[in-house]
N, C-alpha and C. Protein backbone atom coordinates (compact mmCIF):
# COMPACT_ATOMS: atom_id res chain seq x y z
N MET A 1 -24.53 5.02 4.42
CA MET A 1 -23.92 3.78 4.05
C MET A 1 -24.18 2.79 5.19
N PRO A 2 -24.74 1.63 4.88
CA PRO A 2 -25.00 0.65 5.94
C PRO A 2 -23.69 0.05 6.45
N PRO A 3 -23.63 -0.32 7.75
CA PRO A 3 -22.41 -0.91 8.28
C PRO A 3 -22.16 -2.28 7.68
N HIS A 4 -20.90 -2.66 7.60
CA HIS A 4 -20.52 -3.97 7.10
C HIS A 4 -21.00 -5.04 8.07
N ALA A 5 -21.41 -6.17 7.56
CA ALA A 5 -21.91 -7.25 8.41
C ALA A 5 -20.82 -7.82 9.31
N ALA A 6 -19.57 -7.79 8.85
CA ALA A 6 -18.46 -8.30 9.66
C ALA A 6 -17.96 -7.18 10.57
N GLU A 7 -18.05 -7.38 11.86
CA GLU A 7 -17.67 -6.36 12.84
C GLU A 7 -16.29 -5.74 12.58
N PRO A 8 -15.24 -6.54 12.32
CA PRO A 8 -13.91 -5.94 12.13
C PRO A 8 -13.82 -5.01 10.92
N LEU A 9 -14.76 -5.11 10.01
CA LEU A 9 -14.70 -4.28 8.80
C LEU A 9 -15.60 -3.04 8.88
N ARG A 10 -16.26 -2.83 10.01
CA ARG A 10 -17.19 -1.69 10.12
C ARG A 10 -16.50 -0.34 10.07
N ASN A 11 -15.21 -0.29 10.43
CA ASN A 11 -14.47 0.97 10.40
C ASN A 11 -13.56 1.10 9.19
N VAL A 12 -13.77 0.24 8.19
CA VAL A 12 -12.91 0.23 7.01
C VAL A 12 -13.77 0.54 5.79
N VAL A 13 -13.30 1.49 4.99
CA VAL A 13 -13.95 1.80 3.72
C VAL A 13 -12.92 1.52 2.63
N LEU A 14 -13.28 0.68 1.69
CA LEU A 14 -12.39 0.36 0.58
C LEU A 14 -12.84 1.10 -0.67
N LEU A 15 -11.89 1.77 -1.31
CA LEU A 15 -12.14 2.43 -2.59
C LEU A 15 -11.29 1.75 -3.64
N ASP A 16 -11.86 1.44 -4.77
CA ASP A 16 -11.10 0.87 -5.87
C ASP A 16 -10.68 2.02 -6.77
N LEU A 17 -9.41 2.38 -6.70
CA LEU A 17 -8.89 3.50 -7.48
C LEU A 17 -8.35 2.97 -8.81
N PRO A 18 -8.34 3.82 -9.83
CA PRO A 18 -7.80 3.37 -11.12
C PRO A 18 -6.29 3.17 -11.07
N ASP A 19 -5.80 2.41 -12.02
CA ASP A 19 -4.36 2.18 -12.13
C ASP A 19 -3.63 3.49 -12.39
N VAL A 20 -2.48 3.65 -11.74
CA VAL A 20 -1.67 4.85 -12.02
C VAL A 20 -0.74 4.61 -13.20
N ASP A 21 -0.63 3.35 -13.62
CA ASP A 21 0.28 3.04 -14.71
C ASP A 21 -0.47 2.52 -15.94
N GLY A 22 -1.75 2.85 -16.02
CA GLY A 22 -2.56 2.37 -17.13
C GLY A 22 -2.49 3.29 -18.34
N TYR A 23 -3.43 3.09 -19.23
CA TYR A 23 -3.44 3.81 -20.50
C TYR A 23 -4.23 5.11 -20.44
N VAL A 24 -5.05 5.30 -19.41
CA VAL A 24 -5.87 6.50 -19.32
C VAL A 24 -5.05 7.60 -18.64
N ALA A 25 -4.78 8.66 -19.37
CA ALA A 25 -3.89 9.71 -18.89
C ALA A 25 -4.42 10.41 -17.64
N SER A 26 -5.73 10.47 -17.44
CA SER A 26 -6.28 11.19 -16.30
C SER A 26 -6.25 10.37 -15.00
N HIS A 27 -5.99 9.08 -15.07
CA HIS A 27 -6.02 8.24 -13.86
C HIS A 27 -5.02 8.67 -12.80
N PRO A 28 -3.75 8.88 -13.12
CA PRO A 28 -2.82 9.30 -12.06
C PRO A 28 -3.26 10.59 -11.36
N GLU A 29 -3.81 11.53 -12.11
CA GLU A 29 -4.28 12.78 -11.51
C GLU A 29 -5.47 12.52 -10.58
N ARG A 30 -6.39 11.66 -11.00
CA ARG A 30 -7.55 11.34 -10.16
C ARG A 30 -7.11 10.67 -8.87
N VAL A 31 -6.16 9.75 -8.96
CA VAL A 31 -5.65 9.06 -7.78
C VAL A 31 -4.94 10.06 -6.87
N ALA A 32 -4.14 10.93 -7.45
CA ALA A 32 -3.39 11.92 -6.65
C ALA A 32 -4.33 12.82 -5.86
N ARG A 33 -5.50 13.13 -6.39
CA ARG A 33 -6.47 13.98 -5.66
C ARG A 33 -7.06 13.26 -4.45
N VAL A 34 -7.19 11.94 -4.52
CA VAL A 34 -7.81 11.16 -3.45
C VAL A 34 -6.80 10.78 -2.37
N LEU A 35 -5.57 10.51 -2.74
CA LEU A 35 -4.57 9.98 -1.81
C LEU A 35 -4.43 10.75 -0.51
N PRO A 36 -4.36 12.07 -0.52
CA PRO A 36 -4.19 12.76 0.77
C PRO A 36 -5.35 12.57 1.74
N ARG A 37 -6.47 12.12 1.26
CA ARG A 37 -7.65 11.94 2.11
C ARG A 37 -7.74 10.53 2.71
N LEU A 38 -6.84 9.66 2.32
CA LEU A 38 -6.87 8.27 2.78
C LEU A 38 -5.97 8.08 3.99
N ASP A 39 -6.43 7.25 4.92
CA ASP A 39 -5.60 6.90 6.07
C ASP A 39 -4.59 5.82 5.69
N ALA A 40 -5.04 4.87 4.90
CA ALA A 40 -4.20 3.74 4.50
C ALA A 40 -4.46 3.44 3.03
N LEU A 41 -3.53 2.73 2.44
CA LEU A 41 -3.64 2.43 1.01
C LEU A 41 -3.22 0.99 0.77
N LEU A 42 -4.05 0.26 0.05
CA LEU A 42 -3.73 -1.08 -0.38
C LEU A 42 -3.24 -0.97 -1.82
N VAL A 43 -1.99 -1.30 -2.06
CA VAL A 43 -1.39 -1.19 -3.38
C VAL A 43 -1.32 -2.59 -3.97
N THR A 44 -2.07 -2.80 -5.05
CA THR A 44 -2.12 -4.12 -5.68
C THR A 44 -1.46 -4.05 -7.04
N THR A 45 -0.58 -4.99 -7.28
CA THR A 45 0.06 -5.11 -8.59
C THR A 45 0.10 -6.59 -8.94
N SER A 46 0.49 -6.89 -10.13
CA SER A 46 0.51 -8.29 -10.56
C SER A 46 1.94 -8.76 -10.78
N VAL A 47 2.08 -10.05 -10.98
CA VAL A 47 3.41 -10.61 -11.24
C VAL A 47 3.98 -10.06 -12.54
N ASP A 48 3.12 -9.57 -13.43
CA ASP A 48 3.57 -9.01 -14.70
C ASP A 48 4.05 -7.57 -14.57
N LYS A 49 3.53 -6.82 -13.57
CA LYS A 49 3.78 -5.39 -13.50
C LYS A 49 4.51 -4.92 -12.25
N TYR A 50 4.85 -5.82 -11.33
CA TYR A 50 5.41 -5.37 -10.05
C TYR A 50 6.76 -4.66 -10.20
N ALA A 51 7.47 -4.88 -11.27
CA ALA A 51 8.79 -4.27 -11.45
C ALA A 51 8.74 -3.01 -12.32
N ASP A 52 7.55 -2.57 -12.73
CA ASP A 52 7.44 -1.38 -13.58
C ASP A 52 7.85 -0.13 -12.83
N ARG A 53 8.66 0.69 -13.44
CA ARG A 53 9.17 1.91 -12.82
C ARG A 53 8.05 2.87 -12.42
N VAL A 54 6.97 2.91 -13.19
CA VAL A 54 5.88 3.84 -12.91
C VAL A 54 5.32 3.62 -11.51
N LEU A 55 5.21 2.37 -11.08
CA LEU A 55 4.71 2.06 -9.74
C LEU A 55 5.61 2.69 -8.68
N TYR A 56 6.89 2.56 -8.83
CA TYR A 56 7.83 3.06 -7.81
C TYR A 56 7.94 4.57 -7.82
N ASP A 57 7.78 5.18 -8.98
CA ASP A 57 7.72 6.64 -9.04
C ASP A 57 6.50 7.13 -8.25
N ALA A 58 5.38 6.44 -8.42
CA ALA A 58 4.16 6.81 -7.70
C ALA A 58 4.31 6.58 -6.20
N LEU A 59 4.95 5.49 -5.81
CA LEU A 59 5.13 5.19 -4.38
C LEU A 59 5.98 6.24 -3.69
N ARG A 60 7.04 6.68 -4.34
CA ARG A 60 7.91 7.69 -3.73
C ARG A 60 7.17 9.01 -3.51
N ALA A 61 6.13 9.26 -4.29
CA ALA A 61 5.39 10.52 -4.16
C ALA A 61 4.22 10.43 -3.18
N LEU A 62 3.98 9.27 -2.60
CA LEU A 62 2.84 9.10 -1.70
C LEU A 62 2.98 9.94 -0.44
N PRO A 63 1.86 10.51 0.03
CA PRO A 63 1.90 11.28 1.26
C PRO A 63 1.71 10.43 2.51
N HIS A 64 1.89 9.14 2.42
CA HIS A 64 1.61 8.22 3.52
C HIS A 64 2.89 7.67 4.12
N ALA A 65 2.79 7.31 5.38
CA ALA A 65 3.88 6.59 6.04
C ALA A 65 3.88 5.16 5.52
N THR A 66 5.05 4.56 5.51
CA THR A 66 5.17 3.18 5.03
C THR A 66 4.23 2.25 5.77
N HIS A 67 4.03 2.49 7.06
CA HIS A 67 3.18 1.62 7.88
C HIS A 67 1.73 1.60 7.38
N SER A 68 1.29 2.65 6.72
CA SER A 68 -0.11 2.71 6.29
C SER A 68 -0.31 2.15 4.89
N LEU A 69 0.69 1.49 4.36
CA LEU A 69 0.60 0.89 3.03
C LEU A 69 0.60 -0.63 3.14
N VAL A 70 -0.31 -1.25 2.42
CA VAL A 70 -0.38 -2.70 2.33
C VAL A 70 -0.12 -3.04 0.87
N PHE A 71 0.86 -3.89 0.63
CA PHE A 71 1.22 -4.27 -0.73
C PHE A 71 0.76 -5.69 -1.03
N VAL A 72 0.15 -5.85 -2.20
CA VAL A 72 -0.36 -7.15 -2.61
C VAL A 72 0.18 -7.48 -4.00
N LEU A 73 0.77 -8.65 -4.11
CA LEU A 73 1.22 -9.17 -5.40
C LEU A 73 0.17 -10.18 -5.84
N ASN A 74 -0.64 -9.78 -6.82
CA ASN A 74 -1.74 -10.62 -7.28
C ASN A 74 -1.28 -11.48 -8.46
N ALA A 75 -2.07 -12.46 -8.76
CA ALA A 75 -1.86 -13.36 -9.90
C ALA A 75 -0.67 -14.28 -9.70
N VAL A 76 -0.36 -14.62 -8.44
CA VAL A 76 0.75 -15.53 -8.19
C VAL A 76 0.46 -16.93 -8.74
N ASP A 77 -0.79 -17.21 -9.05
CA ASP A 77 -1.14 -18.50 -9.64
C ASP A 77 -0.54 -18.67 -11.04
N ARG A 78 -0.11 -17.58 -11.66
CA ARG A 78 0.52 -17.66 -12.98
C ARG A 78 1.96 -18.15 -12.89
N LEU A 79 2.49 -18.20 -11.68
CA LEU A 79 3.86 -18.63 -11.47
C LEU A 79 3.91 -20.09 -11.05
N ALA A 80 4.99 -20.74 -11.39
CA ALA A 80 5.22 -22.10 -10.87
C ALA A 80 5.37 -21.98 -9.36
N ALA A 81 4.91 -22.98 -8.64
CA ALA A 81 4.96 -22.95 -7.18
C ALA A 81 6.38 -22.63 -6.68
N ALA A 82 7.39 -23.18 -7.33
CA ALA A 82 8.78 -22.96 -6.92
C ALA A 82 9.22 -21.50 -7.13
N ASP A 83 8.56 -20.76 -8.01
CA ASP A 83 8.95 -19.38 -8.31
C ASP A 83 8.24 -18.35 -7.44
N ARG A 84 7.17 -18.73 -6.77
CA ARG A 84 6.37 -17.75 -6.02
C ARG A 84 7.17 -17.04 -4.93
N ALA A 85 7.88 -17.78 -4.13
CA ALA A 85 8.66 -17.16 -3.04
C ALA A 85 9.75 -16.26 -3.60
N ARG A 86 10.39 -16.68 -4.68
CA ARG A 86 11.46 -15.88 -5.29
C ARG A 86 10.91 -14.56 -5.83
N VAL A 87 9.77 -14.60 -6.52
CA VAL A 87 9.18 -13.39 -7.09
C VAL A 87 8.67 -12.47 -5.97
N LEU A 88 8.08 -13.05 -4.94
CA LEU A 88 7.61 -12.23 -3.81
C LEU A 88 8.79 -11.54 -3.12
N GLU A 89 9.90 -12.24 -2.95
CA GLU A 89 11.10 -11.63 -2.36
C GLU A 89 11.66 -10.56 -3.28
N ASP A 90 11.62 -10.78 -4.58
CA ASP A 90 12.09 -9.76 -5.53
C ASP A 90 11.21 -8.51 -5.44
N PHE A 91 9.91 -8.70 -5.30
CA PHE A 91 8.99 -7.56 -5.12
C PHE A 91 9.34 -6.81 -3.84
N ARG A 92 9.57 -7.54 -2.76
CA ARG A 92 9.94 -6.92 -1.48
C ARG A 92 11.23 -6.12 -1.63
N ALA A 93 12.22 -6.71 -2.29
CA ALA A 93 13.51 -6.02 -2.48
C ALA A 93 13.34 -4.80 -3.38
N THR A 94 12.51 -4.89 -4.39
CA THR A 94 12.28 -3.76 -5.29
C THR A 94 11.53 -2.65 -4.56
N LEU A 95 10.60 -3.00 -3.69
CA LEU A 95 9.92 -1.98 -2.87
C LEU A 95 10.93 -1.23 -2.02
N ARG A 96 11.86 -1.97 -1.44
CA ARG A 96 12.89 -1.33 -0.59
C ARG A 96 13.82 -0.45 -1.41
N THR A 97 14.34 -1.00 -2.49
CA THR A 97 15.36 -0.32 -3.28
C THR A 97 14.81 0.85 -4.09
N HIS A 98 13.72 0.63 -4.80
CA HIS A 98 13.21 1.65 -5.72
C HIS A 98 12.04 2.45 -5.19
N GLY A 99 11.33 1.89 -4.20
CA GLY A 99 10.17 2.59 -3.66
C GLY A 99 10.43 3.25 -2.32
N GLY A 100 11.60 2.98 -1.74
CA GLY A 100 11.92 3.55 -0.44
C GLY A 100 11.10 2.95 0.69
N MET A 101 10.54 1.78 0.49
CA MET A 101 9.68 1.12 1.48
C MET A 101 10.47 0.06 2.22
N ARG A 102 11.29 0.49 3.17
CA ARG A 102 12.20 -0.42 3.88
C ARG A 102 11.49 -1.55 4.59
N ASP A 103 10.34 -1.26 5.18
CA ASP A 103 9.66 -2.24 6.02
C ASP A 103 8.52 -2.97 5.31
N ALA A 104 8.42 -2.81 4.01
CA ALA A 104 7.30 -3.41 3.27
C ALA A 104 7.36 -4.93 3.32
N VAL A 105 6.20 -5.52 3.58
CA VAL A 105 6.06 -6.97 3.55
C VAL A 105 4.86 -7.28 2.65
N PRO A 106 5.12 -7.45 1.36
CA PRO A 106 4.00 -7.69 0.44
C PRO A 106 3.35 -9.05 0.67
N LEU A 107 2.07 -9.09 0.41
CA LEU A 107 1.30 -10.33 0.52
C LEU A 107 1.14 -10.93 -0.86
N ALA A 108 1.19 -12.24 -0.95
CA ALA A 108 0.95 -12.94 -2.21
C ALA A 108 -0.52 -13.31 -2.28
N LEU A 109 -1.12 -13.11 -3.45
CA LEU A 109 -2.55 -13.37 -3.62
C LEU A 109 -2.83 -13.98 -4.98
N SER A 110 -3.76 -14.89 -5.00
CA SER A 110 -4.28 -15.41 -6.25
C SER A 110 -5.79 -15.24 -6.22
N ALA A 111 -6.28 -14.23 -6.91
CA ALA A 111 -7.73 -14.00 -6.96
C ALA A 111 -8.42 -15.20 -7.60
N ARG A 112 -7.79 -15.80 -8.59
CA ARG A 112 -8.39 -16.96 -9.25
C ARG A 112 -8.52 -18.12 -8.27
N ASP A 113 -7.47 -18.39 -7.49
CA ASP A 113 -7.55 -19.47 -6.51
C ASP A 113 -8.57 -19.17 -5.42
N ALA A 114 -8.74 -17.90 -5.08
CA ALA A 114 -9.72 -17.52 -4.04
C ALA A 114 -11.14 -17.87 -4.46
N LEU A 115 -11.38 -17.95 -5.76
CA LEU A 115 -12.71 -18.29 -6.28
C LEU A 115 -12.87 -19.78 -6.58
N SER A 116 -11.87 -20.57 -6.32
CA SER A 116 -11.88 -22.00 -6.63
C SER A 116 -12.93 -22.73 -5.79
N PRO A 117 -13.58 -23.73 -6.37
CA PRO A 117 -14.51 -24.55 -5.59
C PRO A 117 -13.77 -25.48 -4.61
N ASP A 118 -12.48 -25.69 -4.85
CA ASP A 118 -11.69 -26.56 -3.97
C ASP A 118 -11.24 -25.78 -2.74
N GLU A 119 -11.62 -26.27 -1.56
CA GLU A 119 -11.34 -25.56 -0.31
C GLU A 119 -9.84 -25.40 -0.05
N ARG A 120 -9.03 -26.40 -0.37
CA ARG A 120 -7.58 -26.28 -0.16
C ARG A 120 -6.98 -25.20 -1.06
N THR A 121 -7.44 -25.15 -2.29
CA THR A 121 -6.95 -24.12 -3.21
C THR A 121 -7.35 -22.74 -2.71
N ARG A 122 -8.61 -22.61 -2.28
CA ARG A 122 -9.07 -21.32 -1.73
C ARG A 122 -8.24 -20.92 -0.51
N GLY A 123 -7.96 -21.89 0.35
CA GLY A 123 -7.21 -21.61 1.57
C GLY A 123 -5.78 -21.16 1.29
N ALA A 124 -5.22 -21.58 0.18
CA ALA A 124 -3.84 -21.21 -0.16
C ALA A 124 -3.78 -19.96 -1.03
N SER A 125 -4.91 -19.33 -1.27
CA SER A 125 -4.96 -18.19 -2.20
C SER A 125 -4.33 -16.92 -1.66
N GLY A 126 -4.21 -16.81 -0.33
CA GLY A 126 -3.70 -15.58 0.29
C GLY A 126 -4.80 -14.62 0.68
N LEU A 127 -6.04 -14.93 0.32
CA LEU A 127 -7.15 -14.03 0.60
C LEU A 127 -7.40 -13.89 2.10
N SER A 128 -7.29 -14.97 2.86
CA SER A 128 -7.53 -14.86 4.30
C SER A 128 -6.47 -13.98 4.97
N THR A 129 -5.24 -14.03 4.50
CA THR A 129 -4.18 -13.17 5.04
C THR A 129 -4.47 -11.72 4.71
N LEU A 130 -4.91 -11.46 3.49
CA LEU A 130 -5.25 -10.10 3.09
C LEU A 130 -6.44 -9.59 3.90
N ARG A 131 -7.46 -10.42 4.06
CA ARG A 131 -8.62 -9.99 4.84
C ARG A 131 -8.23 -9.66 6.28
N ALA A 132 -7.38 -10.48 6.88
CA ALA A 132 -6.93 -10.23 8.25
C ALA A 132 -6.19 -8.89 8.33
N ARG A 133 -5.39 -8.58 7.33
CA ARG A 133 -4.65 -7.30 7.33
C ARG A 133 -5.63 -6.14 7.19
N ILE A 134 -6.63 -6.28 6.33
CA ILE A 134 -7.63 -5.22 6.17
C ILE A 134 -8.45 -5.06 7.44
N GLU A 135 -8.82 -6.17 8.07
CA GLU A 135 -9.56 -6.09 9.33
C GLU A 135 -8.73 -5.39 10.40
N ALA A 136 -7.44 -5.65 10.42
CA ALA A 136 -6.56 -5.00 11.41
C ALA A 136 -6.55 -3.49 11.21
N LEU A 137 -6.70 -3.02 9.98
CA LEU A 137 -6.73 -1.59 9.71
C LEU A 137 -7.91 -0.91 10.41
N GLY A 138 -8.97 -1.66 10.68
CA GLY A 138 -10.16 -1.10 11.29
C GLY A 138 -10.14 -1.04 12.81
N THR A 139 -9.12 -1.62 13.44
CA THR A 139 -9.07 -1.57 14.90
C THR A 139 -8.68 -0.17 15.35
N ASP A 140 -9.17 0.23 16.53
CA ASP A 140 -8.86 1.55 17.05
C ASP A 140 -7.36 1.77 17.20
N ALA A 141 -6.67 0.77 17.75
CA ALA A 141 -5.23 0.92 17.97
C ALA A 141 -4.49 1.09 16.66
N GLU A 142 -4.85 0.32 15.66
CA GLU A 142 -4.19 0.42 14.36
C GLU A 142 -4.50 1.75 13.69
N ARG A 143 -5.74 2.19 13.79
CA ARG A 143 -6.10 3.49 13.18
C ARG A 143 -5.31 4.61 13.83
N ARG A 144 -5.17 4.59 15.16
CA ARG A 144 -4.37 5.60 15.85
C ARG A 144 -2.91 5.54 15.41
N HIS A 145 -2.40 4.33 15.29
CA HIS A 145 -1.00 4.15 14.86
C HIS A 145 -0.79 4.69 13.44
N ILE A 146 -1.71 4.39 12.55
CA ILE A 146 -1.62 4.87 11.17
C ILE A 146 -1.70 6.39 11.11
N LEU A 147 -2.65 6.97 11.84
CA LEU A 147 -2.77 8.43 11.84
C LEU A 147 -1.51 9.09 12.38
N ALA A 148 -0.94 8.53 13.44
CA ALA A 148 0.29 9.09 14.00
C ALA A 148 1.45 8.95 13.01
N ALA A 149 1.56 7.80 12.37
CA ALA A 149 2.64 7.58 11.40
C ALA A 149 2.48 8.53 10.21
N ASN A 150 1.25 8.72 9.75
CA ASN A 150 1.03 9.64 8.63
C ASN A 150 1.33 11.08 9.03
N ALA A 151 0.99 11.46 10.27
CA ALA A 151 1.30 12.80 10.75
C ALA A 151 2.81 13.00 10.82
N ASP A 152 3.54 11.98 11.29
CA ASP A 152 5.00 12.06 11.33
C ASP A 152 5.58 12.20 9.92
N ALA A 153 5.03 11.44 8.98
CA ALA A 153 5.51 11.52 7.60
C ALA A 153 5.24 12.91 7.01
N ALA A 154 4.07 13.47 7.30
CA ALA A 154 3.74 14.81 6.81
C ALA A 154 4.68 15.84 7.43
N SER A 155 4.96 15.70 8.70
CA SER A 155 5.88 16.61 9.38
C SER A 155 7.27 16.54 8.75
N LYS A 156 7.73 15.36 8.44
CA LYS A 156 9.04 15.20 7.81
C LYS A 156 9.05 15.85 6.43
N ARG A 157 7.96 15.69 5.67
CA ARG A 157 7.91 16.33 4.34
C ARG A 157 7.98 17.84 4.46
N VAL A 158 7.28 18.41 5.44
CA VAL A 158 7.32 19.87 5.66
C VAL A 158 8.73 20.30 6.04
N ARG A 159 9.35 19.57 6.95
CA ARG A 159 10.72 19.89 7.37
C ARG A 159 11.67 19.83 6.17
N ASP A 160 11.54 18.78 5.35
CA ASP A 160 12.40 18.65 4.16
C ASP A 160 12.19 19.81 3.19
N MET A 161 10.92 20.24 3.01
CA MET A 161 10.65 21.38 2.12
C MET A 161 11.27 22.65 2.68
N LEU A 162 11.13 22.85 4.00
CA LEU A 162 11.72 24.04 4.62
C LEU A 162 13.24 24.01 4.53
N ASP A 163 13.83 22.84 4.77
CA ASP A 163 15.28 22.70 4.67
C ASP A 163 15.78 23.04 3.27
N ALA A 164 14.96 22.77 2.27
CA ALA A 164 15.36 23.03 0.90
C ALA A 164 15.38 24.52 0.57
N VAL A 165 14.60 25.33 1.31
CA VAL A 165 14.51 26.75 0.97
C VAL A 165 15.05 27.68 2.05
N LEU A 166 15.23 27.17 3.26
CA LEU A 166 15.71 28.00 4.37
C LEU A 166 17.01 27.45 4.92
N PRO A 167 17.84 28.30 5.48
CA PRO A 167 19.02 27.78 6.18
C PRO A 167 18.56 26.91 7.35
N ALA A 168 19.37 25.94 7.72
CA ALA A 168 19.01 24.99 8.78
C ALA A 168 18.66 25.69 10.08
N ALA A 169 19.39 26.71 10.46
CA ALA A 169 19.11 27.42 11.71
C ALA A 169 17.72 28.07 11.67
N ALA A 170 17.32 28.61 10.53
CA ALA A 170 16.01 29.23 10.41
C ALA A 170 14.91 28.19 10.52
N THR A 171 15.13 27.02 9.93
CA THR A 171 14.14 25.94 10.02
C THR A 171 13.96 25.50 11.46
N GLU A 172 15.06 25.29 12.17
CA GLU A 172 14.99 24.87 13.58
C GLU A 172 14.25 25.91 14.41
N ALA A 173 14.57 27.17 14.21
CA ALA A 173 13.93 28.25 14.98
C ALA A 173 12.45 28.32 14.68
N TRP A 174 12.09 28.12 13.44
CA TRP A 174 10.69 28.20 13.04
C TRP A 174 9.88 27.05 13.60
N LEU A 175 10.46 25.84 13.66
CA LEU A 175 9.74 24.65 14.11
C LEU A 175 9.70 24.50 15.62
N THR A 176 10.53 25.24 16.35
CA THR A 176 10.53 25.07 17.80
C THR A 176 9.83 26.21 18.50
């Protein structure tokens, strides 16, 4: 695979995974097979689907630390300008409440505005903010931080599984 022309993106590989809440029954299984192999995940939803329960069920099952997840609310151009901040805050609150993502800070994006011939419209699309976040994922410090956070999350899942089947004293003895 040739390196990306933009230096900050040379350590980033983007995969477009199928929707987990779509109509194809095999998509959630295909996504589940890939997820454990990813360092970070960009979760994109739209203003029409951000409150769907299926998304939050999938988020709770992720093997990733919250820090390694980037949330994008796409199609904000379908909302009145006055409603964008309210809907983005509702998405943030729903991520916290139903997805267990306390520290999530979703980004607002308009793919349609990003393609606009008008420079001001393109600039307000949210694409530059998203690109900066993706570029940050490729830095050595961020990659180390993500790997450490994911390792901590995996360790917690193992501890929780052991706690569910072993007495607490046995779990402590086994882990130390």
